[in-house]
Amino acid sequence: MIAINSFDPLTLVLLAAINPAVIVVAVLMGRSADQWQKLPVAAFAASVAGFLLYWIGGQVGLFSIHAVGGEAALVMLGFVFGLAWATLGYGFRAR
């Protein structure tokens, strides 16, 4: 079981960086975007999907979530990494 502390920056960055929901949603939405202005929307959607995956993992007992405060950082970091993944997907889109 993974223990998540409230303000452990390394754990929060790793959770946001390798969250599969953030990666999949951002790349797929980035690939389907026809304008670069839609990339922040893809990043926000990926961030929400990543947070939902994190929350479900906590509810089923995969994570031991016993602290409050890191959730906002996960959403923000999910947006940042989602924007990077969406930009990568946008670069590899079919033209």
PDB file of N, CA and C in Angstrom:
ATOM      1  N   MET A   1       0.833  -1.162   0.000  1.00  0.00           N
ATOM      2  CA  MET A   1       0.000   0.000   0.000  1.00  0.00           C
ATOM      3  C   MET A   1       0.888   1.239   0.000  1.00  0.00           C
ATOM      4  N   ILE A   2       0.497   2.232  -0.752  1.00  0.00           N
ATOM      5  CA  ILE A   2       1.257   3.467  -0.880  1.00  0.00           C
ATOM      6  C   ILE A   2       0.709   4.484   0.122  1.00  0.00           C
ATOM      7  N   ALA A   3       1.580   5.062   0.909  1.00  0.00           N
ATOM      8  CA  ALA A   3       1.173   6.103   1.851  1.00  0.00           C
ATOM      9  C   ALA A   3       1.453   7.465   1.238  1.00  0.00           C
ATOM     10  N   ILE A   4       0.467   8.328   1.260  1.00  0.00           N
ATOM     11  CA  ILE A   4       0.610   9.655   0.682  1.00  0.00           C
ATOM     12  C   ILE A   4       0.560  10.668   1.815  1.00  0.00           C
ATOM     13  N   ASN A   5       1.637  11.408   1.988  1.00  0.00           N
ATOM     14  CA  ASN A   5       1.693  12.448   3.004  1.00  0.00           C
ATOM     15  C   ASN A   5       1.175  13.751   2.430  1.00  0.00           C
ATOM     16  N   SER A   6       0.804  14.680   3.303  1.00  0.00           N
ATOM     17  CA  SER A   6       0.101  15.875   2.845  1.00  0.00           C
ATOM     18  C   SER A   6       0.937  16.757   1.919  1.00  0.00           C
ATOM     19  N   PHE A   7       2.130  17.121   2.310  1.00  0.00           N
ATOM     20  CA  PHE A   7       2.909  18.048   1.492  1.00  0.00           C
ATOM     21  C   PHE A   7       4.271  17.471   1.154  1.00  0.00           C
ATOM     22  N   ASP A   8       4.282  16.291   0.607  1.00  0.00           N
ATOM     23  CA  ASP A   8       5.508  15.673   0.134  1.00  0.00           C
ATOM     24  C   ASP A   8       5.629  15.998  -1.348  1.00  0.00           C
ATOM     25  N   PRO A   9       6.423  17.005  -1.718  1.00  0.00           N
ATOM     26  CA  PRO A   9       6.444  17.461  -3.106  1.00  0.00           C
ATOM     27  C   PRO A   9       6.859  16.386  -4.103  1.00  0.00           C
ATOM     28  N   LEU A  10       7.830  15.559  -3.757  1.00  0.00           N
ATOM     29  CA  LEU A  10       8.291  14.541  -4.696  1.00  0.00           C
ATOM     30  C   LEU A  10       7.191  13.532  -5.003  1.00  0.00           C
ATOM     31  N   THR A  11       6.458  13.103  -3.993  1.00  0.00           N
ATOM     32  CA  THR A  11       5.372  12.161  -4.208  1.00  0.00           C
ATOM     33  C   THR A  11       4.273  12.776  -5.066  1.00  0.00           C
ATOM     34  N   LEU A  12       3.930  14.028  -4.810  1.00  0.00           N
ATOM     35  CA  LEU A  12       2.897  14.690  -5.588  1.00  0.00           C
ATOM     36  C   LEU A  12       3.309  14.852  -7.051  1.00  0.00           C
ATOM     37  N   VAL A  13       4.559  15.212  -7.281  1.00  0.00           N
ATOM     38  CA  VAL A  13       5.042  15.360  -8.660  1.00  0.00           C
ATOM     39  C   VAL A  13       5.040  14.009  -9.374  1.00  0.00           C
ATOM     40  N   LEU A  14       5.487  12.968  -8.689  1.00  0.00           N
ATOM     41  CA  LEU A  14       5.506  11.642  -9.310  1.00  0.00           C
ATOM     42  C   LEU A  14       4.103  11.131  -9.598  1.00  0.00           C
ATOM     43  N   LEU A  15       3.180  11.353  -8.669  1.00  0.00           N
ATOM     44  CA  LEU A  15       1.799  10.929  -8.912  1.00  0.00           C
ATOM     45  C   LEU A  15       1.197  11.648 -10.112  1.00  0.00           C
ATOM     46  N   ALA A  16       1.472  12.917 -10.251  1.00  0.00           N
ATOM     47  CA  ALA A  16       0.928  13.673 -11.382  1.00  0.00           C
ATOM     48  C   ALA A  16       1.640  13.328 -12.688  1.00  0.00           C
ATOM     49  N   ALA A  17       2.935  13.066 -12.619  1.00  0.00           N
ATOM     50  CA  ALA A  17       3.712  12.841 -13.844  1.00  0.00           C
ATOM     51  C   ALA A  17       3.421  11.484 -14.477  1.00  0.00           C
ATOM     52  N   ILE A  18       3.190  10.470 -13.662  1.00  0.00           N
ATOM     53  CA  ILE A  18       3.008   9.129 -14.231  1.00  0.00           C
ATOM     54  C   ILE A  18       1.578   8.628 -14.095  1.00  0.00           C
ATOM     55  N   ASN A  19       0.644   9.538 -13.899  1.00  0.00           N
ATOM     56  CA  ASN A  19      -0.761   9.164 -13.828  1.00  0.00           C
ATOM     57  C   ASN A  19      -1.233   8.753 -15.221  1.00  0.00           C
ATOM     58  N   PRO A  20      -1.653   7.499 -15.397  1.00  0.00           N
ATOM     59  CA  PRO A  20      -2.019   7.048 -16.745  1.00  0.00           C
ATOM     60  C   PRO A  20      -3.235   7.762 -17.307  1.00  0.00           C
ATOM     61  N   ALA A  21      -4.161   8.188 -16.464  1.00  0.00           N
ATOM     62  CA  ALA A  21      -5.337   8.894 -16.971  1.00  0.00           C
ATOM     63  C   ALA A  21      -4.942  10.249 -17.550  1.00  0.00           C
ATOM     64  N   VAL A  22      -4.031  10.942 -16.903  1.00  0.00           N
ATOM     65  CA  VAL A  22      -3.571  12.236 -17.411  1.00  0.00           C
ATOM     66  C   VAL A  22      -2.897  12.040 -18.771  1.00  0.00           C
ATOM     67  N   ILE A  23      -2.054  11.042 -18.860  1.00  0.00           N
ATOM     68  CA  ILE A  23      -1.312  10.816 -20.101  1.00  0.00           C
ATOM     69  C   ILE A  23      -2.249  10.467 -21.250  1.00  0.00           C
ATOM     70  N   VAL A  24      -3.137   9.510 -21.027  1.00  0.00           N
ATOM     71  CA  VAL A  24      -4.016   9.032 -22.109  1.00  0.00           C
ATOM     72  C   VAL A  24      -4.978  10.125 -22.563  1.00  0.00           C
ATOM     73  N   VAL A  25      -5.649  10.766 -21.612  1.00  0.00           N
ATOM     74  CA  VAL A  25      -6.628  11.795 -21.978  1.00  0.00           C
ATOM     75  C   VAL A  25      -5.950  12.968 -22.670  1.00  0.00           C
ATOM     76  N   ALA A  26      -4.816  13.416 -22.157  1.00  0.00           N
ATOM     77  CA  ALA A  26      -4.141  14.576 -22.746  1.00  0.00           C
ATOM     78  C   ALA A  26      -3.634  14.267 -24.157  1.00  0.00           C
ATOM     79  N   VAL A  27      -3.025  13.121 -24.343  1.00  0.00           N
ATOM     80  CA  VAL A  27      -2.501  12.789 -25.676  1.00  0.00           C
ATOM     81  C   VAL A  27      -3.641  12.625 -26.679  1.00  0.00           C
ATOM     82  N   LEU A  28      -4.703  11.936 -26.290  1.00  0.00           N
ATOM     83  CA  LEU A  28      -5.819  11.740 -27.225  1.00  0.00           C
ATOM     84  C   LEU A  28      -6.511  13.055 -27.561  1.00  0.00           C
ATOM     85  N   MET A  29      -6.732  13.889 -26.560  1.00  0.00           N
ATOM     86  CA  MET A  29      -7.373  15.176 -26.854  1.00  0.00           C
ATOM     87  C   MET A  29      -6.430  16.117 -27.591  1.00  0.00           C
ATOM     88  N   GLY A  30      -5.136  16.038 -27.307  1.00  0.00           N
ATOM     89  CA  GLY A  30      -4.173  16.860 -28.030  1.00  0.00           C
ATOM     90  C   GLY A  30      -4.080  16.464 -29.498  1.00  0.00           C
ATOM     91  N   ARG A  31      -4.159  15.164 -29.752  1.00  0.00           N
ATOM     92  CA  ARG A  31      -4.119  14.696 -31.148  1.00  0.00           C
ATOM     93  C   ARG A  31      -5.350  15.122 -31.929  1.00  0.00           C
ATOM     94  N   SER A  32      -6.488  15.199 -31.249  1.00  0.00           N
ATOM     95  CA  SER A  32      -7.715  15.550 -31.969  1.00  0.00           C
ATOM     96  C   SER A  32      -7.959  17.056 -32.015  1.00  0.00           C
ATOM     97  N   ALA A  33      -7.124  17.845 -31.353  1.00  0.00           N
ATOM     98  CA  ALA A  33      -7.288  19.301 -31.378  1.00  0.00           C
ATOM     99  C   ALA A  33      -6.865  19.851 -32.734  1.00  0.00           C
ATOM    100  N   ASP A  34      -7.686  20.742 -33.274  1.00  0.00           N
ATOM    101  CA  ASP A  34      -7.342  21.334 -34.564  1.00  0.00           C
ATOM    102  C   ASP A  34      -6.750  22.734 -34.411  1.00  0.00           C
ATOM    103  N   GLN A  35      -6.716  23.252 -33.182  1.00  0.00           N
ATOM    104  CA  GLN A  35      -6.105  24.546 -32.904  1.00  0.00           C
ATOM    105  C   GLN A  35      -5.321  24.436 -31.596  1.00  0.00           C
ATOM    106  N   TRP A  36      -4.220  25.152 -31.502  1.00  0.00           N
ATOM    107  CA  TRP A  36      -3.412  25.067 -30.292  1.00  0.00           C
ATOM    108  C   TRP A  36      -4.124  25.659 -29.089  1.00  0.00           C
ATOM    109  N   GLN A  37      -5.121  26.511 -29.315  1.00  0.00           N
ATOM    110  CA  GLN A  37      -5.849  27.123 -28.212  1.00  0.00           C
ATOM    111  C   GLN A  37      -6.677  26.100 -27.423  1.00  0.00           C
ATOM    112  N   LYS A  38      -6.899  24.930 -27.990  1.00  0.00           N
ATOM    113  CA  LYS A  38      -7.681  23.901 -27.308  1.00  0.00           C
ATOM    114  C   LYS A  38      -6.835  23.032 -26.383  1.00  0.00           C
ATOM    115  N   LEU A  39      -5.535  23.239 -26.368  1.00  0.00           N
ATOM    116  CA  LEU A  39      -4.658  22.439 -25.521  1.00  0.00           C
ATOM    117  C   LEU A  39      -4.879  22.674 -24.023  1.00  0.00           C
ATOM    118  N   PRO A  40      -5.127  23.909 -23.555  1.00  0.00           N
ATOM    119  CA  PRO A  40      -5.436  24.058 -22.124  1.00  0.00           C
ATOM    120  C   PRO A  40      -6.721  23.331 -21.709  1.00  0.00           C
ATOM    121  N   VAL A  41      -7.693  23.264 -22.598  1.00  0.00           N
ATOM    122  CA  VAL A  41      -8.916  22.517 -22.302  1.00  0.00           C
ATOM    123  C   VAL A  41      -8.605  21.030 -22.168  1.00  0.00           C
ATOM    124  N   ALA A  42      -7.757  20.526 -23.051  1.00  0.00           N
ATOM    125  CA  ALA A  42      -7.339  19.129 -22.969  1.00  0.00           C
ATOM    126  C   ALA A  42      -6.557  18.881 -21.681  1.00  0.00           C
ATOM    127  N   ALA A  43      -5.726  19.821 -21.290  1.00  0.00           N
ATOM    128  CA  ALA A  43      -4.956  19.667 -20.059  1.00  0.00           C
ATOM    129  C   ALA A  43      -5.866  19.665 -18.838  1.00  0.00           C
ATOM    130  N   PHE A  44      -6.886  20.520 -18.834  1.00  0.00           N
ATOM    131  CA  PHE A  44      -7.814  20.551 -17.710  1.00  0.00           C
ATOM    132  C   PHE A  44      -8.618  19.256 -17.630  1.00  0.00           C
ATOM    133  N   ALA A  45      -9.085  18.766 -18.765  1.00  0.00           N
ATOM    134  CA  ALA A  45      -9.821  17.502 -18.778  1.00  0.00           C
ATOM    135  C   ALA A  45      -8.933  16.347 -18.305  1.00  0.00           C
ATOM    136  N   ALA A  46      -7.689  16.356 -18.724  1.00  0.00           N
ATOM    137  CA  ALA A  46      -6.759  15.318 -18.293  1.00  0.00           C
ATOM    138  C   ALA A  46      -6.494  15.413 -16.796  1.00  0.00           C
ATOM    139  N   SER A  47      -6.406  16.626 -16.282  1.00  0.00           N
ATOM    140  CA  SER A  47      -6.183  16.819 -14.853  1.00  0.00           C
ATOM    141  C   SER A  47      -7.362  16.294 -14.037  1.00  0.00           C
ATOM    142  N   VAL A  48      -8.562  16.567 -14.489  1.00  0.00           N
ATOM    143  CA  VAL A  48      -9.753  16.070 -13.787  1.00  0.00           C
ATOM    144  C   VAL A  48      -9.822  14.545 -13.864  1.00  0.00           C
ATOM    145  N   ALA A  49      -9.532  13.988 -15.030  1.00  0.00           N
ATOM    146  CA  ALA A  49      -9.538  12.523 -15.161  1.00  0.00           C
ATOM    147  C   ALA A  49      -8.476  11.886 -14.268  1.00  0.00           C
ATOM    148  N   GLY A  50      -7.319  12.496 -14.191  1.00  0.00           N
ATOM    149  CA  GLY A  50      -6.260  11.987 -13.331  1.00  0.00           C
ATOM    150  C   GLY A  50      -6.627  12.060 -11.865  1.00  0.00           C
ATOM    151  N   PHE A  51      -7.283  13.146 -11.461  1.00  0.00           N
ATOM    152  CA  PHE A  51      -7.702  13.256 -10.073  1.00  0.00           C
ATOM    153  C   PHE A  51      -8.787  12.237  -9.750  1.00  0.00           C
ATOM    154  N   LEU A  52      -9.705  12.007 -10.681  1.00  0.00           N
ATOM    155  CA  LEU A  52     -10.728  10.986 -10.449  1.00  0.00           C
ATOM    156  C   LEU A  52     -10.116   9.601 -10.295  1.00  0.00           C
ATOM    157  N   LEU A  53      -9.112   9.292 -11.093  1.00  0.00           N
ATOM    158  CA  LEU A  53      -8.423   8.013 -10.942  1.00  0.00           C
ATOM    159  C   LEU A  53      -7.746   7.929  -9.582  1.00  0.00           C
ATOM    160  N   TYR A  54      -7.124   9.000  -9.139  1.00  0.00           N
ATOM    161  CA  TYR A  54      -6.493   9.055  -7.824  1.00  0.00           C
ATOM    162  C   TYR A  54      -7.533   8.864  -6.721  1.00  0.00           C
ATOM    163  N   TRP A  55      -8.669   9.526  -6.839  1.00  0.00           N
ATOM    164  CA  TRP A  55      -9.716   9.426  -5.833  1.00  0.00           C
ATOM    165  C   TRP A  55     -10.291   8.020  -5.766  1.00  0.00           C
ATOM    166  N   ILE A  56     -10.531   7.415  -6.923  1.00  0.00           N
ATOM    167  CA  ILE A  56     -11.038   6.036  -6.946  1.00  0.00           C
ATOM    168  C   ILE A  56     -10.022   5.084  -6.329  1.00  0.00           C
ATOM    169  N   GLY A  57      -8.755   5.291  -6.611  1.00  0.00           N
ATOM    170  CA  GLY A  57      -7.707   4.475  -5.993  1.00  0.00           C
ATOM    171  C   GLY A  57      -7.704   4.586  -4.479  1.00  0.00           C
ATOM    172  N   GLY A  58      -7.984   5.771  -3.982  1.00  0.00           N
ATOM    173  CA  GLY A  58      -8.075   5.959  -2.534  1.00  0.00           C
ATOM    174  C   GLY A  58      -9.311   5.304  -1.951  1.00  0.00           C
ATOM    175  N   GLN A  59     -10.411   5.328  -2.686  1.00  0.00           N
ATOM    176  CA  GLN A  59     -11.647   4.728  -2.192  1.00  0.00           C
ATOM    177  C   GLN A  59     -11.591   3.210  -2.141  1.00  0.00           C
ATOM    178  N   VAL A  60     -10.905   2.590  -3.088  1.00  0.00           N
ATOM    179  CA  VAL A  60     -10.823   1.127  -3.090  1.00  0.00           C
ATOM    180  C   VAL A  60      -9.672   0.615  -2.236  1.00  0.00           C
ATOM    181  N   GLY A  61      -8.856   1.515  -1.698  1.00  0.00           N
ATOM    182  CA  GLY A  61      -7.798   1.115  -0.781  1.00  0.00           C
ATOM    183  C   GLY A  61      -6.429   0.941  -1.400  1.00  0.00           C
ATOM    184  N   LEU A  62      -6.253   1.376  -2.628  1.00  0.00           N
ATOM    185  CA  LEU A  62      -4.943   1.293  -3.265  1.00  0.00           C
ATOM    186  C   LEU A  62      -3.967   2.282  -2.639  1.00  0.00           C
ATOM    187  N   PHE A  63      -4.471   3.463  -2.281  1.00  0.00           N
ATOM    188  CA  PHE A  63      -3.676   4.487  -1.623  1.00  0.00           C
ATOM    189  C   PHE A  63      -4.177   4.664  -0.201  1.00  0.00           C
ATOM    190  N   SER A  64      -3.277   4.955   0.690  1.00  0.00           N
ATOM    191  CA  SER A  64      -3.647   5.291   2.061  1.00  0.00           C
ATOM    192  C   SER A  64      -3.659   6.807   2.172  1.00  0.00           C
ATOM    193  N   ILE A  65      -4.778   7.407   1.883  1.00  0.00           N
ATOM    194  CA  ILE A  65      -4.899   8.860   1.903  1.00  0.00           C
ATOM    195  C   ILE A  65      -5.354   9.270   3.288  1.00  0.00           C
ATOM    196  N   HIS A  66      -4.462   9.890   4.045  1.00  0.00           N
ATOM    197  CA  HIS A  66      -4.779  10.281   5.400  1.00  0.00           C
ATOM    198  C   HIS A  66      -4.471  11.746   5.653  1.00  0.00           C
ATOM    199  N   ALA A  67      -4.201  12.485   4.627  1.00  0.00           N
ATOM    200  CA  ALA A  67      -3.852  13.889   4.791  1.00  0.00           C
ATOM    201  C   ALA A  67      -4.660  14.733   3.816  1.00  0.00           C
ATOM    202  N   VAL A  68      -4.916  15.943   4.214  1.00  0.00           N
ATOM    203  CA  VAL A  68      -5.658  16.868   3.375  1.00  0.00           C
ATOM    204  C   VAL A  68      -4.700  17.969   2.939  1.00  0.00           C
ATOM    205  N   GLY A  69      -4.775  18.370   1.693  1.00  0.00           N
ATOM    206  CA  GLY A  69      -3.951  19.470   1.225  1.00  0.00           C
ATOM    207  C   GLY A  69      -3.201  19.173  -0.052  1.00  0.00           C
ATOM    208  N   GLY A  70      -2.907  17.917  -0.296  1.00  0.00           N
ATOM    209  CA  GLY A  70      -2.173  17.578  -1.497  1.00  0.00           C
ATOM    210  C   GLY A  70      -3.046  17.454  -2.726  1.00  0.00           C
ATOM    211  N   GLU A  71      -4.364  17.414  -2.533  1.00  0.00           N
ATOM    212  CA  GLU A  71      -5.265  17.219  -3.658  1.00  0.00           C
ATOM    213  C   GLU A  71      -5.244  18.403  -4.627  1.00  0.00           C
ATOM    214  N   ALA A  72      -5.186  19.603  -4.101  1.00  0.00           N
ATOM    215  CA  ALA A  72      -5.127  20.784  -4.964  1.00  0.00           C
ATOM    216  C   ALA A  72      -3.833  20.802  -5.768  1.00  0.00           C
ATOM    217  N   ALA A  73      -2.754  20.371  -5.134  1.00  0.00           N
ATOM    218  CA  ALA A  73      -1.476  20.301  -5.851  1.00  0.00           C
ATOM    219  C   ALA A  73      -1.531  19.242  -6.940  1.00  0.00           C
ATOM    220  N   LEU A  74      -2.237  18.127  -6.696  1.00  0.00           N
ATOM    221  CA  LEU A  74      -2.362  17.099  -7.730  1.00  0.00           C
ATOM    222  C   LEU A  74      -3.127  17.610  -8.934  1.00  0.00           C
ATOM    223  N   VAL A  75      -4.176  18.380  -8.704  1.00  0.00           N
ATOM    224  CA  VAL A  75      -4.938  18.936  -9.829  1.00  0.00           C
ATOM    225  C   VAL A  75      -4.073  19.923 -10.607  1.00  0.00           C
ATOM    226  N   MET A  76      -3.352  20.800  -9.896  1.00  0.00           N
ATOM    227  CA  MET A  76      -2.503  21.780 -10.564  1.00  0.00           C
ATOM    228  C   MET A  76      -1.370  21.100 -11.342  1.00  0.00           C
ATOM    229  N   LEU A  77      -0.691  20.153 -10.695  1.00  0.00           N
ATOM    230  CA  LEU A  77       0.396  19.456 -11.373  1.00  0.00           C
ATOM    231  C   LEU A  77      -0.123  18.591 -12.510  1.00  0.00           C
ATOM    232  N   GLY A  78      -1.316  18.022 -12.342  1.00  0.00           N
ATOM    233  CA  GLY A  78      -1.936  17.274 -13.437  1.00  0.00           C
ATOM    234  C   GLY A  78      -2.190  18.162 -14.640  1.00  0.00           C
ATOM    235  N   PHE A  79      -2.584  19.418 -14.381  1.00  0.00           N
ATOM    236  CA  PHE A  79      -2.781  20.368 -15.478  1.00  0.00           C
ATOM    237  C   PHE A  79      -1.468  20.661 -16.187  1.00  0.00           C
ATOM    238  N   VAL A  80      -0.413  20.866 -15.414  1.00  0.00           N
ATOM    239  CA  VAL A  80       0.898  21.185 -16.008  1.00  0.00           C
ATOM    240  C   VAL A  80       1.398  20.018 -16.857  1.00  0.00           C
ATOM    241  N   PHE A  81       1.367  18.815 -16.292  1.00  0.00           N
ATOM    242  CA  PHE A  81       1.819  17.654 -17.059  1.00  0.00           C
ATOM    243  C   PHE A  81       0.844  17.324 -18.187  1.00  0.00           C
ATOM    244  N   GLY A  82      -0.446  17.561 -17.972  1.00  0.00           N
ATOM    245  CA  GLY A  82      -1.426  17.360 -19.037  1.00  0.00           C
ATOM    246  C   GLY A  82      -1.193  18.294 -20.207  1.00  0.00           C
ATOM    247  N   LEU A  83      -0.802  19.527 -19.904  1.00  0.00           N
ATOM    248  CA  LEU A  83      -0.497  20.470 -20.983  1.00  0.00           C
ATOM    249  C   LEU A  83       0.716  20.011 -21.782  1.00  0.00           C
ATOM    250  N   ALA A  84       1.705  19.465 -21.084  1.00  0.00           N
ATOM    251  CA  ALA A  84       2.892  18.943 -21.788  1.00  0.00           C
ATOM    252  C   ALA A  84       2.514  17.744 -22.662  1.00  0.00           C
ATOM    253  N   TRP A  85       1.715  16.819 -22.119  1.00  0.00           N
ATOM    254  CA  TRP A  85       1.314  15.648 -22.912  1.00  0.00           C
ATOM    255  C   TRP A  85       0.391  16.035 -24.065  1.00  0.00           C
ATOM    256  N   ALA A  86      -0.508  17.000 -23.846  1.00  0.00           N
ATOM    257  CA  ALA A  86      -1.393  17.450 -24.915  1.00  0.00           C
ATOM    258  C   ALA A  86      -0.597  18.119 -26.030  1.00  0.00           C
ATOM    259  N   THR A  87       0.425  18.886 -25.664  1.00  0.00           N
ATOM    260  CA  THR A  87       1.280  19.520 -26.667  1.00  0.00           C
ATOM    261  C   THR A  87       2.019  18.461 -27.471  1.00  0.00           C
ATOM    262  N   LEU A  88       2.480  17.427 -26.802  1.00  0.00           N
ATOM    263  CA  LEU A  88       3.141  16.326 -27.514  1.00  0.00           C
ATOM    264  C   LEU A  88       2.176  15.636 -28.465  1.00  0.00           C
ATOM    265  N   GLY A  89       0.960  15.376 -28.004  1.00  0.00           N
ATOM    266  CA  GLY A  89      -0.048  14.777 -28.874  1.00  0.00           C
ATOM    267  C   GLY A  89      -0.415  15.679 -30.030  1.00  0.00           C
ATOM    268  N   TYR A  90      -0.479  16.985 -29.782  1.00  0.00           N
ATOM    269  CA  TYR A  90      -0.779  17.952 -30.840  1.00  0.00           C
ATOM    270  C   TYR A  90       0.319  17.966 -31.896  1.00  0.00           C
ATOM    271  N   GLY A  91       1.537  17.770 -31.471  1.00  0.00           N
ATOM    272  CA  GLY A  91       2.649  17.729 -32.425  1.00  0.00           C
ATOM    273  C   GLY A  91       2.615  16.491 -33.311  1.00  0.00           C
ATOM    274  N   PHE A  92       2.030  15.406 -32.825  1.00  0.00           N
ATOM    275  CA  PHE A  92       1.973  14.170 -33.603  1.00  0.00           C
ATOM    276  C   PHE A  92       0.604  13.922 -34.244  1.00  0.00           C
ATOM    277  N   ARG A  93      -0.225  14.972 -34.326  1.00  0.00           N
ATOM    278  CA  ARG A  93      -1.566  14.800 -34.894  1.00  0.00           C
ATOM    279  C   ARG A  93      -1.510  14.553 -36.391  1.00  0.00           C
ATOM    280  N   ALA A  94      -2.547  13.929 -36.891  1.00  0.00           N
ATOM    281  CA  ALA A  94      -2.648  13.719 -38.352  1.00  0.00           C
ATOM    282  C   ALA A  94      -3.076  15.035 -38.999  1.00  0.00           C
ATOM    283  N   ARG A  95      -2.358  15.436 -39.997  1.00  0.00           N
ATOM    284  CA  ARG A  95      -2.645  16.722 -40.635  1.00  0.00           C
ATOM    285  C   ARG A  95      -3.456  16.546 -41.884  1.00  0.00           C
TER     286      ARG A  95
END
